[in-house]
N, C-alpha and C. Protein backbone atom coordinates (compact mmCIF):
# COMPACT_ATOMS: atom_id res chain seq x y z
N PHE A 1 97.95 -34.45 27.58
CA PHE A 1 98.50 -33.56 25.93
C PHE A 1 98.80 -32.10 26.14
N ALA A 2 98.11 -31.71 27.36
CA ALA A 2 98.29 -30.23 27.50
C ALA A 2 99.41 -30.06 27.41
N SER A 3 100.56 -30.45 28.37
CA SER A 3 101.71 -29.86 28.14
C SER A 3 102.30 -30.04 26.78
N GLN A 4 101.97 -30.70 26.07
CA GLN A 4 102.53 -30.58 23.68
C GLN A 4 102.35 -29.31 23.25
N ILE A 5 100.73 -29.04 24.31
CA ILE A 5 100.75 -27.88 23.19
C ILE A 5 101.52 -26.49 23.54
N ARG A 6 102.10 -26.61 21.92
CA ARG A 6 103.05 -24.92 21.72
C ARG A 6 102.43 -23.74 21.66
N THR A 7 101.25 -23.67 20.71
CA THR A 7 100.63 -22.70 20.27
C THR A 7 100.07 -21.50 21.47
N GLN A 8 99.37 -19.91 21.79
CA GLN A 8 99.31 -19.66 22.70
C GLN A 8 98.14 -19.66 23.19
N LYS A 9 97.72 -19.78 24.38
CA LYS A 9 97.01 -20.48 25.15
C LYS A 9 96.12 -19.33 26.24
N PHE A 10 94.73 -19.07 26.10
CA PHE A 10 94.20 -17.84 27.09
C PHE A 10 93.12 -19.05 27.77
N LEU A 11 93.56 -18.60 28.93
CA LEU A 11 92.13 -19.18 29.39
C LEU A 11 91.71 -18.36 30.79
N ILE A 12 89.92 -18.82 30.88
CA ILE A 12 89.65 -18.01 31.73
C ILE A 12 88.57 -18.66 32.52
N ASN A 13 89.10 -18.32 33.96
CA ASN A 13 87.99 -19.10 34.75
C ASN A 13 87.98 -18.40 35.93
N GLY A 14 86.34 -18.71 36.49
CA GLY A 14 86.04 -17.85 37.11
C GLY A 14 86.40 -18.83 38.68
N LYS A 15 86.24 -18.01 39.60
CA LYS A 15 87.21 -18.20 40.88
C LYS A 15 86.50 -18.94 42.05
N TYR A 16 85.03 -19.47 41.70
CA TYR A 16 83.72 -19.64 42.05
C TYR A 16 83.27 -20.87 41.33
N ASP A 17 83.96 -21.36 40.12
CA ASP A 17 83.32 -22.23 39.29
C ASP A 17 83.09 -23.15 40.14
N GLU A 18 81.58 -23.87 39.59
CA GLU A 18 81.18 -25.49 40.09
C GLU A 18 81.83 -26.18 39.20
N THR A 19 81.97 -25.76 38.18
CA THR A 19 81.68 -27.11 37.04
C THR A 19 83.36 -27.45 36.92
N PHE A 20 84.37 -26.46 36.96
CA PHE A 20 85.48 -26.47 37.10
C PHE A 20 86.34 -26.11 37.99
N PRO A 21 86.35 -26.24 38.92
CA PRO A 21 86.60 -25.60 40.24
C PRO A 21 88.44 -24.93 39.71
N TYR A 22 88.76 -23.58 40.59
CA TYR A 22 89.76 -23.22 40.43
C TYR A 22 91.09 -24.10 40.82
N ASN A 23 91.18 -24.62 41.79
CA ASN A 23 92.03 -25.04 42.96
C ASN A 23 92.12 -26.25 42.33
N THR A 24 91.28 -27.51 41.66
CA THR A 24 91.53 -28.39 41.64
C THR A 24 91.45 -29.21 40.31
N ASP A 25 90.62 -28.43 39.39
CA ASP A 25 90.45 -28.33 37.87
C ASP A 25 92.06 -27.40 36.95
N ALA A 26 90.97 -26.01 37.27
CA ALA A 26 92.26 -24.59 36.42
C ALA A 26 93.50 -25.18 36.91
N LYS A 27 93.63 -25.05 38.08
CA LYS A 27 95.14 -24.73 39.13
C LYS A 27 96.35 -25.60 38.19
N PRO A 28 96.21 -27.45 38.60
CA PRO A 28 96.81 -27.92 37.74
C PRO A 28 96.59 -28.68 35.98
N LEU A 29 95.89 -27.84 35.49
CA LEU A 29 95.88 -27.80 33.81
C LEU A 29 96.51 -26.58 33.33
N ILE A 30 96.47 -24.99 34.14
CA ILE A 30 97.23 -24.09 34.40
C ILE A 30 99.17 -24.86 34.31
N LYS A 31 99.46 -25.26 35.07
CA LYS A 31 101.19 -26.13 35.32
C LYS A 31 101.54 -26.21 34.32
N LEU A 32 100.57 -27.47 33.49
CA LEU A 32 101.11 -28.39 32.48
C LEU A 32 101.16 -27.69 31.47
N LEU A 33 100.67 -26.65 31.23
CA LEU A 33 100.58 -25.91 29.87
C LEU A 33 102.00 -24.60 29.48
N ARG A 34 102.52 -24.85 28.14
CA ARG A 34 103.75 -24.24 28.21
C ARG A 34 103.64 -22.93 28.00
N ASP A 35 104.37 -21.89 28.50
CA ASP A 35 104.44 -20.71 27.75
C ASP A 35 104.32 -20.65 26.00
N PRO A 36 103.85 -19.70 25.39
CA PRO A 36 103.17 -18.67 26.13
C PRO A 36 101.73 -19.03 26.13
N LYS A 37 101.35 -18.20 27.62
CA LYS A 37 99.82 -18.29 28.04
C LYS A 37 99.94 -17.41 28.58
N LYS A 38 98.24 -17.22 28.63
CA LYS A 38 97.74 -15.62 29.72
C LYS A 38 96.57 -16.75 30.57
N ILE A 39 96.14 -16.10 31.79
CA ILE A 39 95.81 -16.90 32.37
C ILE A 39 94.79 -15.68 33.33
N VAL A 40 93.42 -15.65 32.89
CA VAL A 40 92.39 -14.87 33.83
C VAL A 40 91.68 -15.05 34.51
N THR A 41 91.29 -14.65 35.72
CA THR A 41 90.40 -15.05 36.50
C THR A 41 89.36 -13.88 36.96
N TYR A 42 87.85 -14.41 37.31
CA TYR A 42 87.36 -13.49 37.70
C TYR A 42 86.29 -13.97 39.08
N ASP A 43 85.62 -12.69 39.53
CA ASP A 43 85.13 -13.32 40.53
C ASP A 43 83.75 -13.95 39.67
N GLY A 44 83.19 -14.93 39.92
CA GLY A 44 81.94 -15.29 39.13
C GLY A 44 82.45 -17.01 39.60
N GLY A 45 81.09 -17.25 39.00
CA GLY A 45 80.38 -18.84 38.73
C GLY A 45 81.48 -19.48 37.28
N HIS A 46 80.23 -20.51 36.39
CA HIS A 46 81.27 -21.10 35.24
C HIS A 46 81.11 -19.93 34.11
N ILE A 47 80.09 -18.79 34.48
CA ILE A 47 79.95 -18.29 33.37
C ILE A 47 80.30 -17.02 33.15
N PRO A 48 81.35 -16.31 32.88
CA PRO A 48 81.17 -14.91 32.93
C PRO A 48 80.08 -13.62 32.43
N THR A 49 80.36 -12.63 32.57
CA THR A 49 79.27 -11.80 31.88
C THR A 49 79.76 -11.58 30.42
N VAL A 50 78.54 -11.49 29.70
CA VAL A 50 79.55 -10.67 28.66
C VAL A 50 80.48 -8.91 28.65
N GLU A 51 79.88 -8.56 29.24
CA GLU A 51 80.64 -7.18 30.48
C GLU A 51 82.33 -7.50 30.32
N PHE A 52 82.21 -8.82 31.00
CA PHE A 52 83.62 -8.95 31.41
C PHE A 52 84.09 -9.77 30.06
N TYR A 53 83.51 -10.41 29.39
CA TYR A 53 84.10 -11.51 28.84
C TYR A 53 84.83 -11.17 26.99
N ALA A 54 83.39 -10.04 26.44
CA ALA A 54 83.82 -9.77 25.40
C ALA A 54 85.32 -8.80 24.86
N PRO A 55 85.17 -7.90 26.06
CA PRO A 55 86.31 -7.03 26.26
C PRO A 55 87.74 -7.44 26.79
N THR A 56 87.77 -8.63 27.71
CA THR A 56 89.18 -9.74 28.03
C THR A 56 89.07 -10.07 26.63
N VAL A 57 88.36 -10.89 25.60
CA VAL A 57 88.80 -11.57 25.32
C VAL A 57 89.09 -10.86 23.49
N ASN A 58 88.50 -9.91 23.47
CA ASN A 58 89.17 -8.46 22.09
C ASN A 58 90.59 -7.88 22.56
N ASP A 59 90.86 -7.76 23.89
CA ASP A 59 92.18 -7.61 24.00
C ASP A 59 93.10 -8.44 24.03
N TRP A 60 92.72 -9.77 24.35
CA TRP A 60 93.90 -10.76 24.08
C TRP A 60 94.04 -11.07 22.57
N PHE A 61 93.63 -11.29 21.81
CA PHE A 61 93.52 -10.69 20.56
C PHE A 61 93.98 -9.87 20.02
N ASN A 62 93.94 -8.84 20.38
CA ASN A 62 94.67 -7.51 19.83
C ASN A 62 96.03 -7.54 20.24
N ASP A 63 96.55 -8.04 21.49
CA ASP A 63 97.37 -8.20 21.96
C ASP A 63 98.48 -9.42 21.27
N THR A 64 97.67 -10.10 20.74
CA THR A 64 98.31 -11.60 20.70
C THR A 64 98.53 -11.62 18.95
N LEU A 65 96.91 -10.97 18.27
CA LEU A 65 97.09 -11.08 16.44
C LEU A 65 97.23 -9.82 15.84
N GLY A 66 97.54 -8.44 16.88
CA GLY A 66 97.47 -7.58 16.54
C GLY A 66 96.22 -6.63 15.90
N LYS A 67 96.09 -5.66 16.48
CA LYS A 67 94.83 -4.55 15.63
C LYS A 67 94.19 -4.74 14.44
N VAL A 68 93.24 -4.83 14.73
CA VAL A 68 92.18 -5.05 13.93
C VAL A 68 92.18 -3.48 12.48
N LEU A 69 92.55 -3.45 11.76
CA LEU A 69 92.69 -2.04 11.30
C LEU A 69 90.93 -2.05 10.31
N ARG A 70 90.75 -0.39 10.49
CA ARG A 70 89.73 -0.61 9.58
C ARG A 70 90.04 0.97 8.91
């Protein structure tokens, strides 16, 4: 059903992910997904570090939904 998702999509995948390998799992999924989509890869395994993950996700939220006003 991946090709039927119409909303924005954001995927983060490690280049050396042992659970969902990039070439055999992530890449075929990415091809099935419609735009708009954003894919980010990082040099690591299945779980990214918080130092990478938090700013990456926050930036995507800001770009997609707009910055939070304080």
